[in-house]
């Protein structure tokens, strides 16, 4: 779809309009408020969704750490730190790994090393 964009001065000149009068009209103000309200609502919904996702990730991370501690004893601080950068999907996979791992070392062998989701294995 082609779109032409003209500056305010050009429109006023060609249309013979005074944009100040238009922008101060009740209809314009009403439309502006409606658009602003819609934008705020969209932003709020996005913020809520992001907050929920972060909360779910945090809960999974805490549950995983609790499970590791119950199964294997105190969890080294560096392991807890490595869990901070993992996605929800990775945390869910590691929860299953934690249940099946016979030792903490076996679990750690499956723990991704970096933020890119690899565990040191070649691609």
PDB file of N, CA and C in Angstrom:
ATOM      1  N   UNK A   1       0.847  -1.152   0.000  1.00  0.00           N
ATOM      2  CA  UNK A   1       0.000   0.000   0.000  1.00  0.00           C
ATOM      3  C   UNK A   1       0.906   1.232   0.000  1.00  0.00           C
ATOM      4  N   UNK A   2       0.698   2.097  -0.976  1.00  0.00           N
ATOM      5  CA  UNK A   2       1.476   3.337  -1.067  1.00  0.00           C
ATOM      6  C   UNK A   2       0.918   4.342  -0.078  1.00  0.00           C
ATOM      7  N   UNK A   3       1.802   5.161   0.437  1.00  0.00           N
ATOM      8  CA  UNK A   3       1.372   6.138   1.429  1.00  0.00           C
ATOM      9  C   UNK A   3       2.117   7.436   1.200  1.00  0.00           C
ATOM     10  N   UNK A   4       1.374   8.527   1.155  1.00  0.00           N
ATOM     11  CA  UNK A   4       1.977   9.849   1.004  1.00  0.00           C
ATOM     12  C   UNK A   4       1.940  10.548   2.353  1.00  0.00           C
ATOM     13  N   UNK A   5       3.023  11.146   2.722  1.00  0.00           N
ATOM     14  CA  UNK A   5       3.070  11.867   3.982  1.00  0.00           C
ATOM     15  C   UNK A   5       3.467  13.308   3.685  1.00  0.00           C
ATOM     16  N   UNK A   6       2.590  14.199   4.065  1.00  0.00           N
ATOM     17  CA  UNK A   6       2.849  15.621   3.861  1.00  0.00           C
ATOM     18  C   UNK A   6       2.983  16.288   5.218  1.00  0.00           C
ATOM     19  N   UNK A   7       3.752  17.348   5.247  1.00  0.00           N
ATOM     20  CA  UNK A   7       3.873  18.060   6.510  1.00  0.00           C
ATOM     21  C   UNK A   7       2.651  18.955   6.721  1.00  0.00           C
ATOM     22  N   UNK A   8       2.502  19.388   7.933  1.00  0.00           N
ATOM     23  CA  UNK A   8       1.335  20.160   8.357  1.00  0.00           C
ATOM     24  C   UNK A   8       1.159  21.433   7.527  1.00  0.00           C
ATOM     25  N   UNK A   9       2.244  22.142   7.277  1.00  0.00           N
ATOM     26  CA  UNK A   9       2.178  23.406   6.532  1.00  0.00           C
ATOM     27  C   UNK A   9       1.638  23.189   5.118  1.00  0.00           C
ATOM     28  N   UNK A  10       2.095  22.131   4.463  1.00  0.00           N
ATOM     29  CA  UNK A  10       1.653  21.829   3.102  1.00  0.00           C
ATOM     30  C   UNK A  10       0.149  21.533   3.082  1.00  0.00           C
ATOM     31  N   UNK A  11      -0.306  20.734   4.039  1.00  0.00           N
ATOM     32  CA  UNK A  11      -1.734  20.400   4.106  1.00  0.00           C
ATOM     33  C   UNK A  11      -2.562  21.653   4.340  1.00  0.00           C
ATOM     34  N   UNK A  12      -2.140  22.485   5.279  1.00  0.00           N
ATOM     35  CA  UNK A  12      -2.872  23.723   5.558  1.00  0.00           C
ATOM     36  C   UNK A  12      -2.964  24.592   4.314  1.00  0.00           C
ATOM     37  N   UNK A  13      -1.865  24.682   3.574  1.00  0.00           N
ATOM     38  CA  UNK A  13      -1.825  25.520   2.374  1.00  0.00           C
ATOM     39  C   UNK A  13      -2.755  24.968   1.297  1.00  0.00           C
ATOM     40  N   UNK A  14      -2.680  23.690   1.008  1.00  0.00           N
ATOM     41  CA  UNK A  14      -3.464  23.088  -0.070  1.00  0.00           C
ATOM     42  C   UNK A  14      -4.940  22.962   0.273  1.00  0.00           C
ATOM     43  N   UNK A  15      -5.236  22.642   1.496  1.00  0.00           N
ATOM     44  CA  UNK A  15      -6.624  22.419   1.887  1.00  0.00           C
ATOM     45  C   UNK A  15      -7.302  23.694   2.374  1.00  0.00           C
ATOM     46  N   UNK A  16      -6.521  24.700   2.636  1.00  0.00           N
ATOM     47  CA  UNK A  16      -7.099  25.923   3.160  1.00  0.00           C
ATOM     48  C   UNK A  16      -7.590  25.748   4.589  1.00  0.00           C
ATOM     49  N   UNK A  17      -6.996  24.796   5.298  1.00  0.00           N
ATOM     50  CA  UNK A  17      -7.405  24.515   6.668  1.00  0.00           C
ATOM     51  C   UNK A  17      -6.455  25.173   7.648  1.00  0.00           C
ATOM     52  N   UNK A  18      -6.992  25.483   8.777  1.00  0.00           N
ATOM     53  CA  UNK A  18      -6.169  25.917   9.901  1.00  0.00           C
ATOM     54  C   UNK A  18      -6.123  24.730  10.864  1.00  0.00           C
ATOM     55  N   UNK A  19      -5.005  24.025  10.862  1.00  0.00           N
ATOM     56  CA  UNK A  19      -4.893  22.803  11.660  1.00  0.00           C
ATOM     57  C   UNK A  19      -5.070  23.066  13.154  1.00  0.00           C
ATOM     58  N   UNK A  20      -4.771  24.262  13.603  1.00  0.00           N
ATOM     59  CA  UNK A  20      -4.957  24.583  15.015  1.00  0.00           C
ATOM     60  C   UNK A  20      -6.426  24.463  15.383  1.00  0.00           C
ATOM     61  N   UNK A  21      -7.285  24.953  14.516  1.00  0.00           N
ATOM     62  CA  UNK A  21      -8.728  24.871  14.766  1.00  0.00           C
ATOM     63  C   UNK A  21      -9.163  23.408  14.789  1.00  0.00           C
ATOM     64  N   UNK A  22      -8.647  22.635  13.847  1.00  0.00           N
ATOM     65  CA  UNK A  22      -9.022  21.221  13.773  1.00  0.00           C
ATOM     66  C   UNK A  22      -8.549  20.471  15.017  1.00  0.00           C
ATOM     67  N   UNK A  23      -7.293  20.680  15.417  1.00  0.00           N
ATOM     68  CA  UNK A  23      -6.760  19.934  16.561  1.00  0.00           C
ATOM     69  C   UNK A  23      -7.395  20.345  17.885  1.00  0.00           C
ATOM     70  N   UNK A  24      -8.055  21.471  17.904  1.00  0.00           N
ATOM     71  CA  UNK A  24      -8.732  21.899  19.124  1.00  0.00           C
ATOM     72  C   UNK A  24     -10.218  21.557  19.114  1.00  0.00           C
ATOM     73  N   UNK A  25     -10.684  20.968  18.042  1.00  0.00           N
ATOM     74  CA  UNK A  25     -12.105  20.632  17.946  1.00  0.00           C
ATOM     75  C   UNK A  25     -12.448  19.489  18.897  1.00  0.00           C
ATOM     76  N   UNK A  26     -13.687  19.461  19.379  1.00  0.00           N
ATOM     77  CA  UNK A  26     -14.107  18.386  20.282  1.00  0.00           C
ATOM     78  C   UNK A  26     -13.960  16.989  19.654  1.00  0.00           C
ATOM     79  N   UNK A  27     -14.277  16.859  18.366  1.00  0.00           N
ATOM     80  CA  UNK A  27     -14.156  15.559  17.707  1.00  0.00           C
ATOM     81  C   UNK A  27     -12.703  15.087  17.705  1.00  0.00           C
ATOM     82  N   UNK A  28     -11.798  15.975  17.344  1.00  0.00           N
ATOM     83  CA  UNK A  28     -10.376  15.628  17.319  1.00  0.00           C
ATOM     84  C   UNK A  28      -9.910  15.215  18.719  1.00  0.00           C
ATOM     85  N   UNK A  29     -10.279  15.991  19.722  1.00  0.00           N
ATOM     86  CA  UNK A  29      -9.877  15.698  21.099  1.00  0.00           C
ATOM     87  C   UNK A  29     -10.443  14.352  21.568  1.00  0.00           C
ATOM     88  N   UNK A  30     -11.687  14.079  21.184  1.00  0.00           N
ATOM     89  CA  UNK A  30     -12.321  12.815  21.551  1.00  0.00           C
ATOM     90  C   UNK A  30     -11.586  11.635  20.898  1.00  0.00           C
ATOM     91  N   UNK A  31     -11.262  11.792  19.618  1.00  0.00           N
ATOM     92  CA  UNK A  31     -10.539  10.737  18.905  1.00  0.00           C
ATOM     93  C   UNK A  31      -9.140  10.544  19.499  1.00  0.00           C
ATOM     94  N   UNK A  32      -8.498  11.651  19.817  1.00  0.00           N
ATOM     95  CA  UNK A  32      -7.158  11.584  20.400  1.00  0.00           C
ATOM     96  C   UNK A  32      -7.189  10.814  21.721  1.00  0.00           C
ATOM     97  N   UNK A  33      -8.172  11.121  22.567  1.00  0.00           N
ATOM     98  CA  UNK A  33      -8.294  10.432  23.852  1.00  0.00           C
ATOM     99  C   UNK A  33      -8.571   8.943  23.660  1.00  0.00           C
ATOM    100  N   UNK A  34      -9.409   8.619  22.669  1.00  0.00           N
ATOM    101  CA  UNK A  34      -9.719   7.212  22.402  1.00  0.00           C
ATOM    102  C   UNK A  34      -8.461   6.463  21.963  1.00  0.00           C
ATOM    103  N   UNK A  35      -7.672   7.083  21.075  1.00  0.00           N
ATOM    104  CA  UNK A  35      -6.445   6.445  20.609  1.00  0.00           C
ATOM    105  C   UNK A  35      -5.431   6.304  21.742  1.00  0.00           C
ATOM    106  N   UNK A  36      -5.323   7.329  22.576  1.00  0.00           N
ATOM    107  CA  UNK A  36      -4.402   7.251  23.712  1.00  0.00           C
ATOM    108  C   UNK A  36      -4.822   6.152  24.682  1.00  0.00           C
ATOM    109  N   UNK A  37      -6.126   6.070  24.958  1.00  0.00           N
ATOM    110  CA  UNK A  37      -6.626   5.041  25.869  1.00  0.00           C
ATOM    111  C   UNK A  37      -6.359   3.650  25.306  1.00  0.00           C
ATOM    112  N   UNK A  38      -6.569   3.490  24.001  1.00  0.00           N
ATOM    113  CA  UNK A  38      -6.312   2.197  23.364  1.00  0.00           C
ATOM    114  C   UNK A  38      -4.824   1.843  23.452  1.00  0.00           C
ATOM    115  N   UNK A  39      -3.970   2.828  23.218  1.00  0.00           N
ATOM    116  CA  UNK A  39      -2.529   2.593  23.312  1.00  0.00           C
ATOM    117  C   UNK A  39      -2.110   2.222  24.723  1.00  0.00           C
ATOM    118  N   UNK A  40      -2.681   2.905  25.712  1.00  0.00           N
ATOM    119  CA  UNK A  40      -2.368   2.584  27.103  1.00  0.00           C
ATOM    120  C   UNK A  40      -2.819   1.171  27.449  1.00  0.00           C
ATOM    121  N   UNK A  41      -3.999   0.793  26.963  1.00  0.00           N
ATOM    122  CA  UNK A  41      -4.525  -0.543  27.242  1.00  0.00           C
ATOM    123  C   UNK A  41      -3.629  -1.620  26.629  1.00  0.00           C
ATOM    124  N   UNK A  42      -3.204  -1.392  25.399  1.00  0.00           N
ATOM    125  CA  UNK A  42      -2.312  -2.350  24.739  1.00  0.00           C
ATOM    126  C   UNK A  42      -0.999  -2.458  25.511  1.00  0.00           C
ATOM    127  N   UNK A  43      -0.448  -1.313  25.919  1.00  0.00           N
ATOM    128  CA  UNK A  43       0.796  -1.316  26.688  1.00  0.00           C
ATOM    129  C   UNK A  43       0.640  -2.031  28.021  1.00  0.00           C
ATOM    130  N   UNK A  44      -0.484  -1.798  28.681  1.00  0.00           N
ATOM    131  CA  UNK A  44      -0.745  -2.445  29.961  1.00  0.00           C
ATOM    132  C   UNK A  44      -0.856  -3.958  29.787  1.00  0.00           C
ATOM    133  N   UNK A  45      -1.570  -4.390  28.754  1.00  0.00           N
ATOM    134  CA  UNK A  45      -1.710  -5.825  28.496  1.00  0.00           C
ATOM    135  C   UNK A  45      -0.355  -6.473  28.230  1.00  0.00           C
ATOM    136  N   UNK A  46       0.490  -5.794  27.451  1.00  0.00           N
ATOM    137  CA  UNK A  46       1.830  -6.328  27.179  1.00  0.00           C
ATOM    138  C   UNK A  46       2.635  -6.426  28.468  1.00  0.00           C
ATOM    139  N   UNK A  47       2.553  -5.387  29.293  1.00  0.00           N
ATOM    140  CA  UNK A  47       3.282  -5.382  30.558  1.00  0.00           C
ATOM    141  C   UNK A  47       2.831  -6.496  31.485  1.00  0.00           C
ATOM    142  N   UNK A  48       1.530  -6.719  31.541  1.00  0.00           N
ATOM    143  CA  UNK A  48       0.998  -7.795  32.381  1.00  0.00           C
ATOM    144  C   UNK A  48       1.489  -9.145  31.879  1.00  0.00           C
ATOM    145  N   UNK A  49       1.439  -9.335  30.566  1.00  0.00           N
ATOM    146  CA  UNK A  49       1.880 -10.612  29.990  1.00  0.00           C
ATOM    147  C   UNK A  49       3.357 -10.868  30.287  1.00  0.00           C
ATOM    148  N   UNK A  50       4.187  -9.845  30.106  1.00  0.00           N
ATOM    149  CA  UNK A  50       5.619  -9.992  30.381  1.00  0.00           C
ATOM    150  C   UNK A  50       5.841 -10.292  31.863  1.00  0.00           C
ATOM    151  N   UNK A  51       5.101  -9.600  32.728  1.00  0.00           N
ATOM    152  CA  UNK A  51       5.217  -9.835  34.164  1.00  0.00           C
ATOM    153  C   UNK A  51       4.817 -11.250  34.553  1.00  0.00           C
ATOM    154  N   UNK A  52       3.738 -11.742  33.940  1.00  0.00           N
ATOM    155  CA  UNK A  52       3.308 -13.113  34.218  1.00  0.00           C
ATOM    156  C   UNK A  52       4.373 -14.113  33.776  1.00  0.00           C
ATOM    157  N   UNK A  53       4.932 -13.901  32.596  1.00  0.00           N
ATOM    158  CA  UNK A  53       5.963 -14.806  32.088  1.00  0.00           C
ATOM    159  C   UNK A  53       7.183 -14.810  33.000  1.00  0.00           C
ATOM    160  N   UNK A  54       7.592 -13.628  33.445  1.00  0.00           N
ATOM    161  CA  UNK A  54       8.747 -13.541  34.348  1.00  0.00           C
ATOM    162  C   UNK A  54       8.439 -14.236  35.674  1.00  0.00           C
ATOM    163  N   UNK A  55       7.202 -14.074  36.157  1.00  0.00           N
ATOM    164  CA  UNK A  55       6.798 -14.721  37.403  1.00  0.00           C
ATOM    165  C   UNK A  55       6.801 -16.239  37.291  1.00  0.00           C
ATOM    166  N   UNK A  56       6.333 -16.741  36.157  1.00  0.00           N
ATOM    167  CA  UNK A  56       6.337 -18.185  35.930  1.00  0.00           C
ATOM    168  C   UNK A  56       7.771 -18.700  35.878  1.00  0.00           C
ATOM    169  N   UNK A  57       8.640 -17.982  35.162  1.00  0.00           N
ATOM    170  CA  UNK A  57      10.057 -18.379  35.097  1.00  0.00           C
ATOM    171  C   UNK A  57      10.679 -18.405  36.486  1.00  0.00           C
ATOM    172  N   UNK A  58      10.398 -17.368  37.255  1.00  0.00           N
ATOM    173  CA  UNK A  58      10.970 -17.292  38.606  1.00  0.00           C
ATOM    174  C   UNK A  58      10.486 -18.460  39.461  1.00  0.00           C
ATOM    175  N   UNK A  59       9.189 -18.765  39.361  1.00  0.00           N
ATOM    176  CA  UNK A  59       8.633 -19.887  40.118  1.00  0.00           C
ATOM    177  C   UNK A  59       9.258 -21.217  39.724  1.00  0.00           C
ATOM    178  N   UNK A  60       9.437 -21.427  38.423  1.00  0.00           N
ATOM    179  CA  UNK A  60      10.074 -22.668  37.945  1.00  0.00           C
ATOM    180  C   UNK A  60      11.511 -22.756  38.450  1.00  0.00           C
ATOM    181  N   UNK A  61      12.213 -21.632  38.408  1.00  0.00           N
ATOM    182  CA  UNK A  61      13.607 -21.595  38.853  1.00  0.00           C
ATOM    183  C   UNK A  61      13.694 -21.940  40.342  1.00  0.00           C
ATOM    184  N   UNK A  62      12.808 -21.338  41.148  1.00  0.00           N
ATOM    185  CA  UNK A  62      12.816 -21.598  42.589  1.00  0.00           C
ATOM    186  C   UNK A  62      12.445 -23.048  42.889  1.00  0.00           C
ATOM    187  N   UNK A  63      11.471 -23.576  42.148  1.00  0.00           N
ATOM    188  CA  UNK A  63      11.066 -24.970  42.333  1.00  0.00           C
ATOM    189  C   UNK A  63      12.209 -25.915  41.973  1.00  0.00           C
ATOM    190  N   UNK A  64      12.904 -25.600  40.892  1.00  0.00           N
ATOM    191  CA  UNK A  64      14.044 -26.418  40.476  1.00  0.00           C
ATOM    192  C   UNK A  64      15.139 -26.394  41.544  1.00  0.00           C
ATOM    193  N   UNK A  65      15.443 -25.210  42.057  1.00  0.00           N
ATOM    194  CA  UNK A  65      16.466 -25.102  43.111  1.00  0.00           C
ATOM    195  C   UNK A  65      16.051 -25.862  44.370  1.00  0.00           C
ATOM    196  N   UNK A  66      14.768 -25.753  44.744  1.00  0.00           N
ATOM    197  CA  UNK A  66      14.273 -26.494  45.909  1.00  0.00           C
ATOM    198  C   UNK A  66      14.402 -27.998  45.688  1.00  0.00           C
ATOM    199  N   UNK A  67      14.037 -28.452  44.494  1.00  0.00           N
ATOM    200  CA  UNK A  67      14.138 -29.878  44.179  1.00  0.00           C
ATOM    201  C   UNK A  67      15.572 -30.370  44.216  1.00  0.00           C
ATOM    202  N   UNK A  68      16.476 -29.569  43.652  1.00  0.00           N
ATOM    203  CA  UNK A  68      17.896 -29.941  43.678  1.00  0.00           C
ATOM    204  C   UNK A  68      18.401 -30.059  45.112  1.00  0.00           C
ATOM    205  N   UNK A  69      18.003 -29.118  45.947  1.00  0.00           N
ATOM    206  CA  UNK A  69      18.450 -29.137  47.343  1.00  0.00           C
ATOM    207  C   UNK A  69      17.875 -30.340  48.092  1.00  0.00           C
ATOM    208  N   UNK A  70      16.613 -30.651  47.837  1.00  0.00           N
ATOM    209  CA  UNK A  70      16.006 -31.815  48.487  1.00  0.00           C
ATOM    210  C   UNK A  70      16.667 -33.120  48.049  1.00  0.00           C
ATOM    211  N   UNK A  71      17.007 -33.213  46.783  1.00  0.00           N
ATOM    212  CA  UNK A  71      17.597 -34.454  46.256  1.00  0.00           C
ATOM    213  C   UNK A  71      19.072 -34.589  46.579  1.00  0.00           C
ATOM    214  N   UNK A  72      19.817 -33.476  46.438  1.00  0.00           N
ATOM    215  CA  UNK A  72      21.281 -33.589  46.466  1.00  0.00           C
ATOM    216  C   UNK A  72      21.964 -32.780  47.573  1.00  0.00           C
ATOM    217  N   UNK A  73      21.211 -32.064  48.378  1.00  0.00           N
ATOM    218  CA  UNK A  73      21.813 -31.234  49.412  1.00  0.00           C
ATOM    219  C   UNK A  73      22.040 -29.812  48.902  1.00  0.00           C
ATOM    220  N   UNK A  74      22.839 -29.043  49.634  1.00  0.00           N
ATOM    221  CA  UNK A  74      23.053 -27.636  49.266  1.00  0.00           C
ATOM    222  C   UNK A  74      23.513 -27.475  47.808  1.00  0.00           C
ATOM    223  N   UNK A  75      22.918 -26.495  47.146  1.00  0.00           N
ATOM    224  CA  UNK A  75      23.235 -26.221  45.737  1.00  0.00           C
ATOM    225  C   UNK A  75      24.291 -25.121  45.685  1.00  0.00           C
ATOM    226  N   UNK A  76      25.405 -25.361  44.998  1.00  0.00           N
ATOM    227  CA  UNK A  76      26.440 -24.326  44.881  1.00  0.00           C
ATOM    228  C   UNK A  76      25.878 -23.036  44.269  1.00  0.00           C
ATOM    229  N   UNK A  77      26.375 -21.917  44.743  1.00  0.00           N
ATOM    230  CA  UNK A  77      25.890 -20.607  44.280  1.00  0.00           C
ATOM    231  C   UNK A  77      26.059 -20.431  42.776  1.00  0.00           C
ATOM    232  N   UNK A  78      27.136 -20.975  42.216  1.00  0.00           N
ATOM    233  CA  UNK A  78      27.347 -20.809  40.773  1.00  0.00           C
ATOM    234  C   UNK A  78      26.286 -21.547  39.958  1.00  0.00           C
ATOM    235  N   UNK A  79      25.764 -22.644  40.507  1.00  0.00           N
ATOM    236  CA  UNK A  79      24.692 -23.373  39.815  1.00  0.00           C
ATOM    237  C   UNK A  79      23.422 -22.526  39.820  1.00  0.00           C
ATOM    238  N   UNK A  80      23.102 -21.955  40.964  1.00  0.00           N
ATOM    239  CA  UNK A  80      21.931 -21.080  41.050  1.00  0.00           C
ATOM    240  C   UNK A  80      22.070 -19.905  40.088  1.00  0.00           C
ATOM    241  N   UNK A  81      23.260 -19.361  39.986  1.00  0.00           N
ATOM    242  CA  UNK A  81      23.504 -18.231  39.079  1.00  0.00           C
ATOM    243  C   UNK A  81      23.313 -18.651  37.623  1.00  0.00           C
ATOM    244  N   UNK A  82      23.780 -19.839  37.280  1.00  0.00           N
ATOM    245  CA  UNK A  82      23.642 -20.321  35.897  1.00  0.00           C
ATOM    246  C   UNK A  82      22.172 -20.513  35.521  1.00  0.00           C
ATOM    247  N   UNK A  83      21.349 -20.840  36.500  1.00  0.00           N
ATOM    248  CA  UNK A  83      19.918 -21.022  36.226  1.00  0.00           C
ATOM    249  C   UNK A  83      19.221 -19.696  35.916  1.00  0.00           C
ATOM    250  N   UNK A  84      19.793 -18.591  36.357  1.00  0.00           N
ATOM    251  CA  UNK A  84      19.166 -17.276  36.175  1.00  0.00           C
ATOM    252  C   UNK A  84      18.984 -16.898  34.711  1.00  0.00           C
ATOM    253  N   UNK A  85      19.856 -17.366  33.840  1.00  0.00           N
ATOM    254  CA  UNK A  85      19.825 -16.954  32.436  1.00  0.00           C
ATOM    255  C   UNK A  85      19.069 -17.913  31.526  1.00  0.00           C
ATOM    256  N   UNK A  86      18.412 -18.905  32.105  1.00  0.00           N
ATOM    257  CA  UNK A  86      17.760 -19.914  31.280  1.00  0.00           C
ATOM    258  C   UNK A  86      16.301 -19.570  30.995  1.00  0.00           C
ATOM    259  N   UNK A  87      15.835 -20.030  29.859  1.00  0.00           N
ATOM    260  CA  UNK A  87      14.447 -19.793  29.449  1.00  0.00           C
ATOM    261  C   UNK A  87      13.505 -20.732  30.202  1.00  0.00           C
ATOM    262  N   UNK A  88      12.225 -20.436  30.119  1.00  0.00           N
ATOM    263  CA  UNK A  88      11.208 -21.274  30.746  1.00  0.00           C
ATOM    264  C   UNK A  88      11.281 -22.697  30.189  1.00  0.00           C
ATOM    265  N   UNK A  89      11.445 -22.813  28.900  1.00  0.00           N
ATOM    266  CA  UNK A  89      11.545 -24.129  28.258  1.00  0.00           C
ATOM    267  C   UNK A  89      12.749 -24.913  28.800  1.00  0.00           C
ATOM    268  N   UNK A  90      13.881 -24.242  28.936  1.00  0.00           N
ATOM    269  CA  UNK A  90      15.081 -24.902  29.465  1.00  0.00           C
ATOM    270  C   UNK A  90      14.872 -25.323  30.920  1.00  0.00           C
ATOM    271  N   UNK A  91      14.223 -24.456  31.704  1.00  0.00           N
ATOM    272  CA  UNK A  91      13.970 -24.784  33.108  1.00  0.00           C
ATOM    273  C   UNK A  91      13.057 -25.998  33.226  1.00  0.00           C
ATOM    274  N   UNK A  92      12.031 -26.064  32.373  1.00  0.00           N
ATOM    275  CA  UNK A  92      11.117 -27.209  32.400  1.00  0.00           C
ATOM    276  C   UNK A  92      11.861 -28.499  32.057  1.00  0.00           C
ATOM    277  N   UNK A  93      12.732 -28.434  31.070  1.00  0.00           N
ATOM    278  CA  UNK A  93      13.533 -29.610  30.694  1.00  0.00           C
ATOM    279  C   UNK A  93      14.442 -30.025  31.862  1.00  0.00           C
ATOM    280  N   UNK A  94      15.052 -29.039  32.501  1.00  0.00           N
ATOM    281  CA  UNK A  94      15.963 -29.342  33.609  1.00  0.00           C
ATOM    282  C   UNK A  94      15.226 -29.898  34.824  1.00  0.00           C
ATOM    283  N   UNK A  95      13.963 -29.527  34.987  1.00  0.00           N
ATOM    284  CA  UNK A  95      13.185 -30.086  36.092  1.00  0.00           C
ATOM    285  C   UNK A  95      13.062 -31.598  35.908  1.00  0.00           C
ATOM    286  N   UNK A  96      12.772 -32.008  34.682  1.00  0.00           N
ATOM    287  CA  UNK A  96      12.682 -33.443  34.385  1.00  0.00           C
ATOM    288  C   UNK A  96      14.048 -34.108  34.559  1.00  0.00           C
ATOM    289  N   UNK A  97      15.092 -33.415  34.126  1.00  0.00           N
ATOM    290  CA  UNK A  97      16.455 -33.932  34.275  1.00  0.00           C
ATOM    291  C   UNK A  97      16.794 -34.109  35.754  1.00  0.00           C
ATOM    292  N   UNK A  98      16.404 -33.131  36.578  1.00  0.00           N
ATOM    293  CA  UNK A  98      16.674 -33.187  38.016  1.00  0.00           C
ATOM    294  C   UNK A  98      16.006 -34.407  38.647  1.00  0.00           C
ATOM    295  N   UNK A  99      14.808 -34.728  38.212  1.00  0.00           N
ATOM    296  CA  UNK A  99      14.098 -35.877  38.775  1.00  0.00           C
ATOM    297  C   UNK A  99      14.803 -37.186  38.412  1.00  0.00           C
ATOM    298  N   UNK A 100      15.309 -37.255  37.196  1.00  0.00           N
ATOM    299  CA  UNK A 100      15.920 -38.499  36.707  1.00  0.00           C
ATOM    300  C   UNK A 100      17.407 -38.637  37.024  1.00  0.00           C
ATOM    301  N   UNK A 101      18.081 -37.525  37.310  1.00  0.00           N
ATOM    302  CA  UNK A 101      19.537 -37.561  37.531  1.00  0.00           C
ATOM    303  C   UNK A 101      19.863 -38.303  38.826  1.00  0.00           C
ATOM    304  N   UNK A 102      20.810 -39.241  38.767  1.00  0.00           N
ATOM    305  CA  UNK A 102      21.172 -39.974  39.981  1.00  0.00           C
ATOM    306  C   UNK A 102      22.040 -39.148  40.943  1.00  0.00           C
ATOM    307  N   UNK A 103      22.761 -38.159  40.400  1.00  0.00           N
ATOM    308  CA  UNK A 103      23.643 -37.330  41.234  1.00  0.00           C
ATOM    309  C   UNK A 103      23.581 -35.879  40.756  1.00  0.00           C
ATOM    310  N   UNK A 104      24.083 -34.981  41.596  1.00  0.00           N
ATOM    311  CA  UNK A 104      24.157 -33.578  41.201  1.00  0.00           C
ATOM    312  C   UNK A 104      25.081 -33.417  39.997  1.00  0.00           C
ATOM    313  N   UNK A 105      26.168 -34.173  39.971  1.00  0.00           N
ATOM    314  CA  UNK A 105      27.089 -34.097  38.828  1.00  0.00           C
ATOM    315  C   UNK A 105      26.404 -34.505  37.526  1.00  0.00           C
ATOM    316  N   UNK A 106      25.551 -35.518  37.593  1.00  0.00           N
ATOM    317  CA  UNK A 106      24.818 -35.948  36.395  1.00  0.00           C
ATOM    318  C   UNK A 106      23.872 -34.838  35.936  1.00  0.00           C
ATOM    319  N   UNK A 107      23.254 -34.164  36.891  1.00  0.00           N
ATOM    320  CA  UNK A 107      22.389 -33.028  36.544  1.00  0.00           C
ATOM    321  C   UNK A 107      23.216 -31.908  35.918  1.00  0.00           C
ATOM    322  N   UNK A 108      24.347 -31.586  36.548  1.00  0.00           N
ATOM    323  CA  UNK A 108      25.193 -30.493  36.061  1.00  0.00           C
ATOM    324  C   UNK A 108      25.714 -30.757  34.652  1.00  0.00           C
ATOM    325  N   UNK A 109      25.891 -32.010  34.301  1.00  0.00           N
ATOM    326  CA  UNK A 109      26.352 -32.347  32.953  1.00  0.00           C
ATOM    327  C   UNK A 109      25.321 -31.943  31.897  1.00  0.00           C
ATOM    328  N   UNK A 110      24.064 -31.825  32.311  1.00  0.00           N
ATOM    329  CA  UNK A 110      22.992 -31.443  31.385  1.00  0.00           C
ATOM    330  C   UNK A 110      22.660 -29.953  31.446  1.00  0.00           C
ATOM    331  N   UNK A 111      23.280 -29.249  32.378  1.00  0.00           N
ATOM    332  CA  UNK A 111      23.002 -27.821  32.565  1.00  0.00           C
ATOM    333  C   UNK A 111      23.715 -27.002  31.495  1.00  0.00           C
ATOM    334  N   UNK A 112      22.967 -26.192  30.736  1.00  0.00           N
ATOM    335  CA  UNK A 112      23.613 -25.350  29.715  1.00  0.00           C
ATOM    336  C   UNK A 112      24.667 -24.443  30.344  1.00  0.00           C
ATOM    337  N   UNK A 113      25.787 -24.268  29.628  1.00  0.00           N
ATOM    338  CA  UNK A 113      26.889 -23.437  30.132  1.00  0.00           C
ATOM    339  C   UNK A 113      26.639 -21.958  29.964  1.00  0.00           C
ATOM    340  N   UNK A 114      26.088 -21.567  28.826  1.00  0.00           N
ATOM    341  CA  UNK A 114      25.929 -20.148  28.520  1.00  0.00           C
ATOM    342  C   UNK A 114      24.481 -19.782  28.350  1.00  0.00           C
ATOM    343  N   UNK A 115      24.279 -18.550  27.903  1.00  0.00           N
ATOM    344  CA  UNK A 115      22.924 -18.052  27.699  1.00  0.00           C
ATOM    345  C   UNK A 115      22.366 -18.483  26.356  1.00  0.00           C
ATOM    346  N   UNK A 116      23.187 -19.129  25.532  1.00  0.00           N
ATOM    347  CA  UNK A 116      22.707 -19.536  24.217  1.00  0.00           C
ATOM    348  C   UNK A 116      22.033 -20.897  24.237  1.00  0.00           C
ATOM    349  N   UNK A 117      21.946 -21.506  25.405  1.00  0.00           N
ATOM    350  CA  UNK A 117      21.215 -22.748  25.525  1.00  0.00           C
ATOM    351  C   UNK A 117      22.005 -23.999  25.191  1.00  0.00           C
ATOM    352  N   UNK A 118      23.309 -23.888  24.980  1.00  0.00           N
ATOM    353  CA  UNK A 118      24.108 -25.072  24.692  1.00  0.00           C
ATOM    354  C   UNK A 118      24.734 -25.569  25.973  1.00  0.00           C
ATOM    355  N   UNK A 119      25.047 -26.846  26.019  1.00  0.00           N
ATOM    356  CA  UNK A 119      25.705 -27.384  27.203  1.00  0.00           C
ATOM    357  C   UNK A 119      27.121 -27.819  26.895  1.00  0.00           C
ATOM    358  N   UNK A 120      27.729 -27.118  25.961  1.00  0.00           N
ATOM    359  CA  UNK A 120      29.106 -27.393  25.627  1.00  0.00           C
ATOM    360  C   UNK A 120      29.257 -28.415  24.521  1.00  0.00           C
ATOM    361  N   UNK A 121      28.165 -29.042  24.126  1.00  0.00           N
ATOM    362  CA  UNK A 121      28.233 -30.036  23.055  1.00  0.00           C
ATOM    363  C   UNK A 121      28.341 -29.341  21.714  1.00  0.00           C
ATOM    364  N   UNK A 122      29.059 -29.944  20.774  1.00  0.00           N
ATOM    365  CA  UNK A 122      29.146 -29.329  19.449  1.00  0.00           C
ATOM    366  C   UNK A 122      27.791 -29.325  18.774  1.00  0.00           C
ATOM    367  N   UNK A 123      27.593 -28.353  17.908  1.00  0.00           N
ATOM    368  CA  UNK A 123      26.310 -28.240  17.204  1.00  0.00           C
ATOM    369  C   UNK A 123      26.285 -29.089  15.979  1.00  0.00           C
TER     370      UNK A 123
END
